Amino acid sequence: LEVWPRSDEYNWEQPRIQFRPSDPGSWHHWYRRINEFLRAYETTVPDEPPRAPCSTHNRRDQQMRSDNCDLAMRMWAPCTADEFYGYHIGKPCVFLRLSH
Protein backbone atom coordinates (compact mmCIF):
# COMPACT_ATOMS: atom_id res chain seq x y z
CA LEU A 1 0.00 0.00 0.00
CA GLU A 2 1.38 3.42 -0.96
CA VAL A 3 0.26 6.71 0.59
CA TRP A 4 0.42 9.86 -1.57
CA PRO A 5 1.71 12.48 -1.28
CA ARG A 6 4.89 11.25 0.24
CA SER A 7 8.22 12.88 0.78
CA ASP A 8 11.40 12.10 -1.11
CA GLU A 9 12.80 10.67 2.14
CA TYR A 10 9.75 8.49 2.75
CA ASN A 11 9.85 6.43 5.94
CA TRP A 12 7.45 3.47 5.90
CA GLU A 13 7.21 3.42 9.69
CA GLN A 14 6.38 7.11 9.96
CA PRO A 15 4.80 8.62 6.86
CA ARG A 16 4.64 12.30 7.73
CA ILE A 17 3.04 15.29 6.07
CA GLN A 18 3.71 18.56 7.84
CA PHE A 19 2.33 21.95 6.79
CA ARG A 20 0.56 25.09 8.02
CA PRO A 21 -2.76 25.80 6.24
CA SER A 22 -2.21 29.56 6.47
CA ASP A 23 1.19 29.27 4.74
CA PRO A 24 0.83 28.12 1.10
CA GLY A 25 4.59 27.77 0.91
CA SER A 26 4.44 24.98 3.49
CA TRP A 27 1.88 22.86 1.58
CA HIS A 28 2.43 23.82 -2.05
CA HIS A 29 5.08 21.10 -2.35
CA TRP A 30 2.51 18.44 -1.31
CA TYR A 31 -0.02 19.92 -3.72
CA ARG A 32 2.45 19.59 -6.61
CA ARG A 33 3.35 16.02 -5.61
CA ILE A 34 -0.32 15.00 -5.71
CA ASN A 35 -0.72 16.64 -9.13
CA GLU A 36 2.28 14.67 -10.40
CA PHE A 37 0.92 11.44 -8.92
CA LEU A 38 -2.57 11.93 -10.38
CA ARG A 39 -1.24 12.75 -13.86
CA ALA A 40 -1.00 8.99 -14.46
CA TYR A 41 -4.79 8.79 -14.08
CA GLU A 42 -5.53 11.46 -16.68
CA THR A 43 -5.91 10.80 -20.39
CA THR A 44 -7.08 12.44 -23.58
CA VAL A 45 -9.48 9.56 -24.22
CA PRO A 46 -12.75 10.15 -22.33
CA ASP A 47 -14.00 6.58 -22.81
CA GLU A 48 -11.26 5.13 -20.64
CA PRO A 49 -12.62 5.07 -17.06
CA PRO A 50 -11.51 5.77 -14.39
CA ARG A 51 -9.33 8.23 -16.25
CA ALA A 52 -10.51 11.68 -17.22
CA PRO A 53 -9.44 14.11 -19.96
CA CYS A 54 -7.87 16.92 -17.97
CA SER A 55 -5.17 19.48 -18.44
CA THR A 56 -3.56 21.52 -15.72
CA HIS A 57 -2.33 25.06 -16.21
CA ASN A 58 -0.32 26.88 -13.59
CA ARG A 59 -0.55 30.67 -13.61
CA ARG A 60 1.25 32.38 -10.75
CA ASP A 61 0.61 29.50 -8.36
CA GLN A 62 -3.07 29.37 -9.31
CA GLN A 63 -4.09 25.91 -10.37
CA MET A 64 -6.70 25.75 -13.12
CA ARG A 65 -8.39 22.69 -14.60
CA SER A 66 -9.67 22.70 -18.15
CA ASP A 67 -13.43 22.91 -18.69
CA ASN A 68 -13.48 19.48 -20.31
CA CYS A 69 -12.25 17.67 -17.20
CA ASP A 70 -14.50 14.60 -17.01
CA LEU A 71 -16.70 13.65 -14.06
CA ALA A 72 -14.50 10.69 -13.06
CA MET A 73 -11.91 12.81 -11.26
CA ARG A 74 -14.39 15.43 -10.01
CA MET A 75 -16.15 12.71 -8.04
CA TRP A 76 -13.21 12.88 -5.63
CA ALA A 77 -14.39 16.29 -4.40
CA PRO A 78 -13.31 17.95 -2.23
CA CYS A 79 -10.03 16.16 -3.02
CA THR A 80 -9.41 18.00 -6.29
CA ALA A 81 -6.77 20.41 -7.57
CA ASP A 82 -9.43 23.14 -7.67
CA GLU A 83 -9.78 22.72 -3.90
CA PHE A 84 -6.00 22.44 -3.37
CA TYR A 85 -6.66 18.91 -2.07
CA GLY A 86 -7.83 20.43 1.24
CA TYR A 87 -4.41 21.69 2.31
CA HIS A 88 -5.42 25.36 2.40
CA ILE A 89 -8.13 24.60 5.00
CA GLY A 90 -6.13 22.16 7.11
CA LYS A 91 -7.97 19.05 5.88
CA PRO A 92 -5.41 17.41 3.59
CA CYS A 93 -6.42 14.66 1.22
CA VAL A 94 -4.22 11.63 0.78
CA PHE A 95 -4.50 9.03 -1.94
CA LEU A 96 -3.89 5.33 -1.49
CA ARG A 97 -2.51 3.09 -4.21
CA LEU A 98 -2.35 -0.66 -3.91
CA SER A 99 1.07 -2.04 -4.81
CA HIS A 100 1.51 -5.17 -6.86
PDB file of N, CA and C in Angstrom:
ATOM      1  N   LEU A   1       0.849  -1.175   0.000  1.00  0.00           N
ATOM      2  CA  LEU A   1       0.000   0.000   0.000  1.00  0.00           C
ATOM      3  C   LEU A   1       0.892   1.234   0.000  1.00  0.00           C
ATOM      4  N   GLU A   2       0.631   2.162  -0.900  1.00  0.00           N
ATOM      5  CA  GLU A   2       1.377   3.419  -0.958  1.00  0.00           C
ATOM      6  C   GLU A   2       0.457   4.560  -0.555  1.00  0.00           C
ATOM      7  N   VAL A   3       1.001   5.513   0.185  1.00  0.00           N
ATOM      8  CA  VAL A   3       0.262   6.708   0.589  1.00  0.00           C
ATOM      9  C   VAL A   3       0.851   7.889  -0.164  1.00  0.00           C
ATOM     10  N   TRP A   4      -0.014   8.668  -0.832  1.00  0.00           N
ATOM     11  CA  TRP A   4       0.424   9.858  -1.568  1.00  0.00           C
ATOM     12  C   TRP A   4      -0.315  11.068  -1.061  1.00  0.00           C
ATOM     13  N   PRO A   5       0.318  12.218  -0.897  1.00  0.00           N
ATOM     14  CA  PRO A   5       1.707  12.475  -1.280  1.00  0.00           C
ATOM     15  C   PRO A   5       2.652  11.871  -0.250  1.00  0.00           C
ATOM     16  N   ARG A   6       3.858  11.702  -0.682  1.00  0.00           N
ATOM     17  CA  ARG A   6       4.888  11.246   0.236  1.00  0.00           C
ATOM     18  C   ARG A   6       6.161  12.004  -0.072  1.00  0.00           C
ATOM     19  N   SER A   7       7.003  12.107   0.945  1.00  0.00           N
ATOM     20  CA  SER A   7       8.225  12.883   0.776  1.00  0.00           C
ATOM     21  C   SER A   7       9.269  12.077   0.020  1.00  0.00           C
ATOM     22  N   ASP A   8      10.299  12.765  -0.426  1.00  0.00           N
ATOM     23  CA  ASP A   8      11.399  12.097  -1.112  1.00  0.00           C
ATOM     24  C   ASP A   8      12.124  11.142  -0.165  1.00  0.00           C
ATOM     25  N   GLU A   9      12.157  11.500   1.115  1.00  0.00           N
ATOM     26  CA  GLU A   9      12.796  10.666   2.135  1.00  0.00           C
ATOM     27  C   GLU A   9      11.713   9.901   2.883  1.00  0.00           C
ATOM     28  N   TYR A  10      10.895   9.178   2.163  1.00  0.00           N
ATOM     29  CA  TYR A  10       9.746   8.491   2.750  1.00  0.00           C
ATOM     30  C   TYR A  10      10.185   7.413   3.730  1.00  0.00           C
ATOM     31  N   ASN A  11       9.575   7.403   4.901  1.00  0.00           N
ATOM     32  CA  ASN A  11       9.851   6.431   5.940  1.00  0.00           C
ATOM     33  C   ASN A  11       8.585   5.603   6.141  1.00  0.00           C
ATOM     34  N   TRP A  12       8.638   4.325   5.822  1.00  0.00           N
ATOM     35  CA  TRP A  12       7.446   3.470   5.896  1.00  0.00           C
ATOM     36  C   TRP A  12       6.873   3.397   7.306  1.00  0.00           C
ATOM     37  N   GLU A  13       7.719   3.493   8.322  1.00  0.00           N
ATOM     38  CA  GLU A  13       7.211   3.416   9.689  1.00  0.00           C
ATOM     39  C   GLU A  13       6.519   4.710  10.117  1.00  0.00           C
ATOM     40  N   GLN A  14       6.945   5.826   9.567  1.00  0.00           N
ATOM     41  CA  GLN A  14       6.381   7.111   9.962  1.00  0.00           C
ATOM     42  C   GLN A  14       6.133   7.995   8.750  1.00  0.00           C
ATOM     43  N   PRO A  15       5.102   7.697   7.959  1.00  0.00           N
ATOM     44  CA  PRO A  15       4.801   8.623   6.860  1.00  0.00           C
ATOM     45  C   PRO A  15       4.330   9.938   7.458  1.00  0.00           C
ATOM     46  N   ARG A  16       4.937  11.031   7.074  1.00  0.00           N
ATOM     47  CA  ARG A  16       4.640  12.299   7.726  1.00  0.00           C
ATOM     48  C   ARG A  16       4.423  13.396   6.692  1.00  0.00           C
ATOM     49  N   ILE A  17       3.344  14.125   6.888  1.00  0.00           N
ATOM     50  CA  ILE A  17       3.044  15.290   6.067  1.00  0.00           C
ATOM     51  C   ILE A  17       2.881  16.449   7.033  1.00  0.00           C
ATOM     52  N   GLN A  18       3.782  17.405   6.953  1.00  0.00           N
ATOM     53  CA  GLN A  18       3.711  18.561   7.840  1.00  0.00           C
ATOM     54  C   GLN A  18       3.490  19.813   7.009  1.00  0.00           C
ATOM     55  N   PHE A  19       2.603  20.694   7.485  1.00  0.00           N
ATOM     56  CA  PHE A  19       2.327  21.948   6.793  1.00  0.00           C
ATOM     57  C   PHE A  19       1.505  22.848   7.707  1.00  0.00           C
ATOM     58  N   ARG A  20       1.413  24.126   7.334  1.00  0.00           N
ATOM     59  CA  ARG A  20       0.558  25.094   8.016  1.00  0.00           C
ATOM     60  C   ARG A  20      -0.452  25.599   6.989  1.00  0.00           C
ATOM     61  N   PRO A  21      -1.742  25.390   7.222  1.00  0.00           N
ATOM     62  CA  PRO A  21      -2.756  25.798   6.241  1.00  0.00           C
ATOM     63  C   PRO A  21      -2.650  27.262   5.832  1.00  0.00           C
ATOM     64  N   SER A  22      -2.282  28.128   6.767  1.00  0.00           N
ATOM     65  CA  SER A  22      -2.212  29.557   6.469  1.00  0.00           C
ATOM     66  C   SER A  22      -0.973  29.942   5.662  1.00  0.00           C
ATOM     67  N   ASP A  23      -0.052  29.006   5.473  1.00  0.00           N
ATOM     68  CA  ASP A  23       1.187  29.274   4.742  1.00  0.00           C
ATOM     69  C   ASP A  23       1.261  28.397   3.490  1.00  0.00           C
ATOM     70  N   PRO A  24       0.796  28.918   2.327  1.00  0.00           N
ATOM     71  CA  PRO A  24       0.826  28.123   1.097  1.00  0.00           C
ATOM     72  C   PRO A  24       2.212  27.568   0.767  1.00  0.00           C
ATOM     73  N   GLY A  25       3.246  28.261   1.169  1.00  0.00           N
ATOM     74  CA  GLY A  25       4.593  27.770   0.912  1.00  0.00           C
ATOM     75  C   GLY A  25       4.888  26.466   1.632  1.00  0.00           C
ATOM     76  N   SER A  26       4.183  26.205   2.729  1.00  0.00           N
ATOM     77  CA  SER A  26       4.436  24.979   3.489  1.00  0.00           C
ATOM     78  C   SER A  26       3.691  23.776   2.927  1.00  0.00           C
ATOM     79  N   TRP A  27       2.632  23.993   2.146  1.00  0.00           N
ATOM     80  CA  TRP A  27       1.881  22.862   1.585  1.00  0.00           C
ATOM     81  C   TRP A  27       1.902  22.795   0.063  1.00  0.00           C
ATOM     82  N   HIS A  28       2.422  23.809  -0.590  1.00  0.00           N
ATOM     83  CA  HIS A  28       2.425  23.816  -2.054  1.00  0.00           C
ATOM     84  C   HIS A  28       3.224  22.639  -2.621  1.00  0.00           C
ATOM     85  N   HIS A  29       4.283  22.255  -1.924  1.00  0.00           N
ATOM     86  CA  HIS A  29       5.083  21.098  -2.347  1.00  0.00           C
ATOM     87  C   HIS A  29       4.214  19.843  -2.383  1.00  0.00           C
ATOM     88  N   TRP A  30       3.389  19.620  -1.364  1.00  0.00           N
ATOM     89  CA  TRP A  30       2.512  18.444  -1.310  1.00  0.00           C
ATOM     90  C   TRP A  30       1.469  18.509  -2.417  1.00  0.00           C
ATOM     91  N   TYR A  31       0.963  19.690  -2.655  1.00  0.00           N
ATOM     92  CA  TYR A  31      -0.022  19.924  -3.716  1.00  0.00           C
ATOM     93  C   TYR A  31       0.558  19.520  -5.080  1.00  0.00           C
ATOM     94  N   ARG A  32       1.791  19.952  -5.354  1.00  0.00           N
ATOM     95  CA  ARG A  32       2.455  19.595  -6.613  1.00  0.00           C
ATOM     96  C   ARG A  32       2.701  18.091  -6.708  1.00  0.00           C
ATOM     97  N   ARG A  33       3.094  17.471  -5.597  1.00  0.00           N
ATOM     98  CA  ARG A  33       3.353  16.023  -5.612  1.00  0.00           C
ATOM     99  C   ARG A  33       2.080  15.237  -5.931  1.00  0.00           C
ATOM    100  N   ILE A  34       0.943  15.681  -5.394  1.00  0.00           N
ATOM    101  CA  ILE A  34      -0.319  15.003  -5.708  1.00  0.00           C
ATOM    102  C   ILE A  34      -0.646  15.191  -7.182  1.00  0.00           C
ATOM    103  N   ASN A  35      -0.463  16.406  -7.703  1.00  0.00           N
ATOM    104  CA  ASN A  35      -0.719  16.640  -9.131  1.00  0.00           C
ATOM    105  C   ASN A  35       0.126  15.706  -9.993  1.00  0.00           C
ATOM    106  N   GLU A  36       1.396  15.557  -9.643  1.00  0.00           N
ATOM    107  CA  GLU A  36       2.285  14.673 -10.402  1.00  0.00           C
ATOM    108  C   GLU A  36       1.805  13.226 -10.312  1.00  0.00           C
ATOM    109  N   PHE A  37       1.408  12.806  -9.121  1.00  0.00           N
ATOM    110  CA  PHE A  37       0.923  11.441  -8.919  1.00  0.00           C
ATOM    111  C   PHE A  37      -0.345  11.182  -9.729  1.00  0.00           C
ATOM    112  N   LEU A  38      -1.291  12.122  -9.709  1.00  0.00           N
ATOM    113  CA  LEU A  38      -2.572  11.930 -10.383  1.00  0.00           C
ATOM    114  C   LEU A  38      -2.476  12.044 -11.901  1.00  0.00           C
ATOM    115  N   ARG A  39      -1.398  12.613 -12.412  1.00  0.00           N
ATOM    116  CA  ARG A  39      -1.236  12.748 -13.858  1.00  0.00           C
ATOM    117  C   ARG A  39      -1.337  11.383 -14.555  1.00  0.00           C
ATOM    118  N   ALA A  40      -0.925  10.340 -13.874  1.00  0.00           N
ATOM    119  CA  ALA A  40      -1.001   8.991 -14.456  1.00  0.00           C
ATOM    120  C   ALA A  40      -2.440   8.533 -14.655  1.00  0.00           C
ATOM    121  N   TYR A  41      -3.386   9.183 -13.983  1.00  0.00           N
ATOM    122  CA  TYR A  41      -4.790   8.788 -14.082  1.00  0.00           C
ATOM    123  C   TYR A  41      -5.575   9.675 -15.041  1.00  0.00           C
ATOM    124  N   GLU A  42      -4.892  10.584 -15.710  1.00  0.00           N
ATOM    125  CA  GLU A  42      -5.531  11.461 -16.683  1.00  0.00           C
ATOM    126  C   GLU A  42      -5.216  10.959 -18.088  1.00  0.00           C
ATOM    127  N   THR A  43      -6.102  11.240 -19.010  1.00  0.00           N
ATOM    128  CA  THR A  43      -5.907  10.802 -20.386  1.00  0.00           C
ATOM    129  C   THR A  43      -6.615  11.768 -21.322  1.00  0.00           C
ATOM    130  N   THR A  44      -6.361  11.639 -22.597  1.00  0.00           N
ATOM    131  CA  THR A  44      -7.083  12.442 -23.584  1.00  0.00           C
ATOM    132  C   THR A  44      -8.230  11.649 -24.178  1.00  0.00           C
ATOM    133  N   VAL A  45      -8.408  10.422 -23.717  1.00  0.00           N
ATOM    134  CA  VAL A  45      -9.478   9.562 -24.224  1.00  0.00           C
ATOM    135  C   VAL A  45     -10.578   9.452 -23.171  1.00  0.00           C
ATOM    136  N   PRO A  46     -11.710  10.148 -23.367  1.00  0.00           N
ATOM    137  CA  PRO A  46     -12.746  10.151 -22.330  1.00  0.00           C
ATOM    138  C   PRO A  46     -13.403   8.798 -22.078  1.00  0.00           C
ATOM    139  N   ASP A  47     -13.334   7.871 -23.000  1.00  0.00           N
ATOM    140  CA  ASP A  47     -13.996   6.583 -22.814  1.00  0.00           C
ATOM    141  C   ASP A  47     -13.110   5.561 -22.125  1.00  0.00           C
ATOM    142  N   GLU A  48     -12.198   6.012 -21.304  1.00  0.00           N
ATOM    143  CA  GLU A  48     -11.260   5.125 -20.644  1.00  0.00           C
ATOM    144  C   GLU A  48     -11.364   5.261 -19.127  1.00  0.00           C
ATOM    145  N   PRO A  49     -12.490   4.922 -18.514  1.00  0.00           N
ATOM    146  CA  PRO A  49     -12.619   5.073 -17.057  1.00  0.00           C
ATOM    147  C   PRO A  49     -11.566   4.241 -16.347  1.00  0.00           C
ATOM    148  N   PRO A  50     -11.094   4.611 -15.165  1.00  0.00           N
ATOM    149  CA  PRO A  50     -11.513   5.773 -14.391  1.00  0.00           C
ATOM    150  C   PRO A  50     -10.737   7.029 -14.730  1.00  0.00           C
ATOM    151  N   ARG A  51     -10.133   7.066 -15.871  1.00  0.00           N
ATOM    152  CA  ARG A  51      -9.333   8.234 -16.254  1.00  0.00           C
ATOM    153  C   ARG A  51     -10.223   9.337 -16.805  1.00  0.00           C
ATOM    154  N   ALA A  52      -9.735  10.541 -16.768  1.00  0.00           N
ATOM    155  CA  ALA A  52     -10.514  11.679 -17.224  1.00  0.00           C
ATOM    156  C   ALA A  52      -9.649  12.584 -18.074  1.00  0.00           C
ATOM    157  N   PRO A  53     -10.215  13.175 -19.140  1.00  0.00           N
ATOM    158  CA  PRO A  53      -9.436  14.109 -19.956  1.00  0.00           C
ATOM    159  C   PRO A  53      -9.289  15.430 -19.222  1.00  0.00           C
ATOM    160  N   CYS A  54      -8.108  15.703 -18.741  1.00  0.00           N
ATOM    161  CA  CYS A  54      -7.872  16.921 -17.971  1.00  0.00           C
ATOM    162  C   CYS A  54      -6.556  17.537 -18.419  1.00  0.00           C
ATOM    163  N   SER A  55      -6.457  18.823 -18.271  1.00  0.00           N
ATOM    164  CA  SER A  55      -5.170  19.479 -18.443  1.00  0.00           C
ATOM    165  C   SER A  55      -5.032  20.479 -17.318  1.00  0.00           C
ATOM    166  N   THR A  56      -3.820  20.648 -16.852  1.00  0.00           N
ATOM    167  CA  THR A  56      -3.563  21.522 -15.724  1.00  0.00           C
ATOM    168  C   THR A  56      -2.693  22.673 -16.194  1.00  0.00           C
ATOM    169  N   HIS A  57      -3.087  23.874 -15.842  1.00  0.00           N
ATOM    170  CA  HIS A  57      -2.327  25.061 -16.208  1.00  0.00           C
ATOM    171  C   HIS A  57      -1.986  25.813 -14.935  1.00  0.00           C
ATOM    172  N   ASN A  58      -0.742  26.177 -14.779  1.00  0.00           N
ATOM    173  CA  ASN A  58      -0.316  26.878 -13.587  1.00  0.00           C
ATOM    174  C   ASN A  58      -0.017  28.325 -13.943  1.00  0.00           C
ATOM    175  N   ARG A  59      -0.764  29.236 -13.379  1.00  0.00           N
ATOM    176  CA  ARG A  59      -0.551  30.668 -13.609  1.00  0.00           C
ATOM    177  C   ARG A  59      -0.338  31.343 -12.270  1.00  0.00           C
ATOM    178  N   ARG A  60       0.904  31.704 -12.008  1.00  0.00           N
ATOM    179  CA  ARG A  60       1.247  32.376 -10.753  1.00  0.00           C
ATOM    180  C   ARG A  60       0.688  31.634  -9.546  1.00  0.00           C
ATOM    181  N   ASP A  61       1.015  30.368  -9.463  1.00  0.00           N
ATOM    182  CA  ASP A  61       0.608  29.497  -8.360  1.00  0.00           C
ATOM    183  C   ASP A  61      -0.892  29.275  -8.273  1.00  0.00           C
ATOM    184  N   GLN A  62      -1.638  29.649  -9.286  1.00  0.00           N
ATOM    185  CA  GLN A  62      -3.073  29.374  -9.313  1.00  0.00           C
ATOM    186  C   GLN A  62      -3.303  28.158 -10.191  1.00  0.00           C
ATOM    187  N   GLN A  63      -3.850  27.130  -9.626  1.00  0.00           N
ATOM    188  CA  GLN A  63      -4.091  25.905 -10.370  1.00  0.00           C
ATOM    189  C   GLN A  63      -5.434  26.006 -11.078  1.00  0.00           C
ATOM    190  N   MET A  64      -5.463  25.683 -12.350  1.00  0.00           N
ATOM    191  CA  MET A  64      -6.700  25.750 -13.117  1.00  0.00           C
ATOM    192  C   MET A  64      -6.877  24.443 -13.874  1.00  0.00           C
ATOM    193  N   ARG A  65      -8.072  23.896 -13.849  1.00  0.00           N
ATOM    194  CA  ARG A  65      -8.389  22.689 -14.596  1.00  0.00           C
ATOM    195  C   ARG A  65      -9.160  23.106 -15.837  1.00  0.00           C
ATOM    196  N   SER A  66      -8.963  22.381 -16.918  1.00  0.00           N
ATOM    197  CA  SER A  66      -9.672  22.699 -18.150  1.00  0.00           C
ATOM    198  C   SER A  66     -11.160  22.404 -17.986  1.00  0.00           C
ATOM    199  N   ASP A  67     -11.984  23.084 -18.774  1.00  0.00           N
ATOM    200  CA  ASP A  67     -13.431  22.909 -18.694  1.00  0.00           C
ATOM    201  C   ASP A  67     -13.873  21.506 -19.076  1.00  0.00           C
ATOM    202  N   ASN A  68     -13.062  20.807 -19.855  1.00  0.00           N
ATOM    203  CA  ASN A  68     -13.477  19.484 -20.307  1.00  0.00           C
ATOM    204  C   ASN A  68     -13.047  18.360 -19.367  1.00  0.00           C
ATOM    205  N   CYS A  69     -12.655  18.697 -18.155  1.00  0.00           N
ATOM    206  CA  CYS A  69     -12.254  17.665 -17.199  1.00  0.00           C
ATOM    207  C   CYS A  69     -13.468  16.802 -16.869  1.00  0.00           C
ATOM    208  N   ASP A  70     -13.375  15.530 -17.139  1.00  0.00           N
ATOM    209  CA  ASP A  70     -14.505  14.605 -17.008  1.00  0.00           C
ATOM    210  C   ASP A  70     -14.914  14.381 -15.557  1.00  0.00           C
ATOM    211  N   LEU A  71     -16.120  13.882 -15.373  1.00  0.00           N
ATOM    212  CA  LEU A  71     -16.698  13.647 -14.055  1.00  0.00           C
ATOM    213  C   LEU A  71     -15.898  12.668 -13.203  1.00  0.00           C
ATOM    214  N   ALA A  72     -15.196  11.736 -13.815  1.00  0.00           N
ATOM    215  CA  ALA A  72     -14.501  10.688 -13.058  1.00  0.00           C
ATOM    216  C   ALA A  72     -13.596  11.243 -11.968  1.00  0.00           C
ATOM    217  N   MET A  73     -12.811  12.271 -12.266  1.00  0.00           N
ATOM    218  CA  MET A  73     -11.910  12.812 -11.256  1.00  0.00           C
ATOM    219  C   MET A  73     -12.614  13.825 -10.362  1.00  0.00           C
ATOM    220  N   ARG A  74     -13.651  14.473 -10.843  1.00  0.00           N
ATOM    221  CA  ARG A  74     -14.386  15.431 -10.015  1.00  0.00           C
ATOM    222  C   ARG A  74     -15.173  14.733  -8.910  1.00  0.00           C
ATOM    223  N   MET A  75     -15.429  13.450  -9.073  1.00  0.00           N
ATOM    224  CA  MET A  75     -16.150  12.707  -8.040  1.00  0.00           C
ATOM    225  C   MET A  75     -15.338  12.611  -6.758  1.00  0.00           C
ATOM    226  N   TRP A  76     -14.055  12.931  -6.816  1.00  0.00           N
ATOM    227  CA  TRP A  76     -13.210  12.881  -5.628  1.00  0.00           C
ATOM    228  C   TRP A  76     -13.360  14.129  -4.767  1.00  0.00           C
ATOM    229  N   ALA A  77     -14.220  15.051  -5.153  1.00  0.00           N
ATOM    230  CA  ALA A  77     -14.393  16.295  -4.401  1.00  0.00           C
ATOM    231  C   ALA A  77     -14.670  15.975  -2.935  1.00  0.00           C
ATOM    232  N   PRO A  78     -14.101  16.734  -2.033  1.00  0.00           N
ATOM    233  CA  PRO A  78     -13.311  17.948  -2.235  1.00  0.00           C
ATOM    234  C   PRO A  78     -11.827  17.693  -2.494  1.00  0.00           C
ATOM    235  N   CYS A  79     -11.447  16.478  -2.797  1.00  0.00           N
ATOM    236  CA  CYS A  79     -10.032  16.161  -3.025  1.00  0.00           C
ATOM    237  C   CYS A  79      -9.656  16.383  -4.485  1.00  0.00           C
ATOM    238  N   THR A  80      -9.730  17.634  -4.916  1.00  0.00           N
ATOM    239  CA  THR A  80      -9.407  17.998  -6.291  1.00  0.00           C
ATOM    240  C   THR A  80      -8.383  19.123  -6.295  1.00  0.00           C
ATOM    241  N   ALA A  81      -7.741  19.318  -7.431  1.00  0.00           N
ATOM    242  CA  ALA A  81      -6.774  20.408  -7.568  1.00  0.00           C
ATOM    243  C   ALA A  81      -7.454  21.752  -7.370  1.00  0.00           C
ATOM    244  N   ASP A  82      -8.703  21.879  -7.844  1.00  0.00           N
ATOM    245  CA  ASP A  82      -9.433  23.138  -7.672  1.00  0.00           C
ATOM    246  C   ASP A  82      -9.573  23.506  -6.203  1.00  0.00           C
ATOM    247  N   GLU A  83      -9.638  22.508  -5.351  1.00  0.00           N
ATOM    248  CA  GLU A  83      -9.780  22.719  -3.902  1.00  0.00           C
ATOM    249  C   GLU A  83      -8.446  22.559  -3.174  1.00  0.00           C
ATOM    250  N   PHE A  84      -7.357  22.580  -3.922  1.00  0.00           N
ATOM    251  CA  PHE A  84      -6.005  22.438  -3.366  1.00  0.00           C
ATOM    252  C   PHE A  84      -5.883  21.202  -2.481  1.00  0.00           C
ATOM    253  N   TYR A  85      -6.680  20.176  -2.798  1.00  0.00           N
ATOM    254  CA  TYR A  85      -6.660  18.906  -2.066  1.00  0.00           C
ATOM    255  C   TYR A  85      -6.834  19.095  -0.561  1.00  0.00           C
ATOM    256  N   GLY A  86      -7.508  20.182  -0.167  1.00  0.00           N
ATOM    257  CA  GLY A  86      -7.830  20.428   1.236  1.00  0.00           C
ATOM    258  C   GLY A  86      -6.717  21.013   2.078  1.00  0.00           C
ATOM    259  N   TYR A  87      -5.545  21.207   1.519  1.00  0.00           N
ATOM    260  CA  TYR A  87      -4.410  21.686   2.314  1.00  0.00           C
ATOM    261  C   TYR A  87      -4.615  23.112   2.806  1.00  0.00           C
ATOM    262  N   HIS A  88      -5.247  23.959   2.017  1.00  0.00           N
ATOM    263  CA  HIS A  88      -5.425  25.361   2.397  1.00  0.00           C
ATOM    264  C   HIS A  88      -6.407  25.534   3.551  1.00  0.00           C
ATOM    265  N   ILE A  89      -7.195  24.507   3.870  1.00  0.00           N
ATOM    266  CA  ILE A  89      -8.133  24.604   4.995  1.00  0.00           C
ATOM    267  C   ILE A  89      -7.764  23.641   6.126  1.00  0.00           C
ATOM    268  N   GLY A  90      -6.593  23.035   6.039  1.00  0.00           N
ATOM    269  CA  GLY A  90      -6.129  22.160   7.107  1.00  0.00           C
ATOM    270  C   GLY A  90      -6.760  20.779   7.113  1.00  0.00           C
ATOM    271  N   LYS A  91      -7.368  20.377   5.997  1.00  0.00           N
ATOM    272  CA  LYS A  91      -7.968  19.047   5.877  1.00  0.00           C
ATOM    273  C   LYS A  91      -7.374  18.358   4.651  1.00  0.00           C
ATOM    274  N   PRO A  92      -6.108  17.938   4.760  1.00  0.00           N
ATOM    275  CA  PRO A  92      -5.415  17.406   3.587  1.00  0.00           C
ATOM    276  C   PRO A  92      -5.972  16.068   3.115  1.00  0.00           C
ATOM    277  N   CYS A  93      -6.036  15.928   1.825  1.00  0.00           N
ATOM    278  CA  CYS A  93      -6.422  14.657   1.220  1.00  0.00           C
ATOM    279  C   CYS A  93      -5.163  13.834   0.998  1.00  0.00           C
ATOM    280  N   VAL A  94      -5.294  12.554   1.147  1.00  0.00           N
ATOM    281  CA  VAL A  94      -4.224  11.634   0.779  1.00  0.00           C
ATOM    282  C   VAL A  94      -4.845  10.585  -0.138  1.00  0.00           C
ATOM    283  N   PHE A  95      -4.042  10.047  -1.007  1.00  0.00           N
ATOM    284  CA  PHE A  95      -4.497   9.031  -1.944  1.00  0.00           C
ATOM    285  C   PHE A  95      -3.755   7.739  -1.651  1.00  0.00           C
ATOM    286  N   LEU A  96      -4.470   6.644  -1.729  1.00  0.00           N
ATOM    287  CA  LEU A  96      -3.887   5.329  -1.490  1.00  0.00           C
ATOM    288  C   LEU A  96      -3.801   4.575  -2.808  1.00  0.00           C
ATOM    289  N   ARG A  97      -2.678   3.909  -3.006  1.00  0.00           N
ATOM    290  CA  ARG A  97      -2.508   3.087  -4.205  1.00  0.00           C
ATOM    291  C   ARG A  97      -2.041   1.706  -3.757  1.00  0.00           C
ATOM    292  N   LEU A  98      -2.737   0.711  -4.228  1.00  0.00           N
ATOM    293  CA  LEU A  98      -2.349  -0.662  -3.914  1.00  0.00           C
ATOM    294  C   LEU A  98      -1.141  -1.044  -4.749  1.00  0.00           C
ATOM    295  N   SER A  99      -0.133  -1.581  -4.107  1.00  0.00           N
ATOM    296  CA  SER A  99       1.071  -2.036  -4.807  1.00  0.00           C
ATOM    297  C   SER A  99       0.845  -3.443  -5.323  1.00  0.00           C
ATOM    298  N   HIS A 100       1.645  -3.815  -6.289  1.00  0.00           N
ATOM    299  CA  HIS A 100       1.510  -5.166  -6.863  1.00  0.00           C
ATOM    300  C   HIS A 100       1.898  -6.209  -5.872  1.00  0.00           C
TER     301      HIS A 100
END
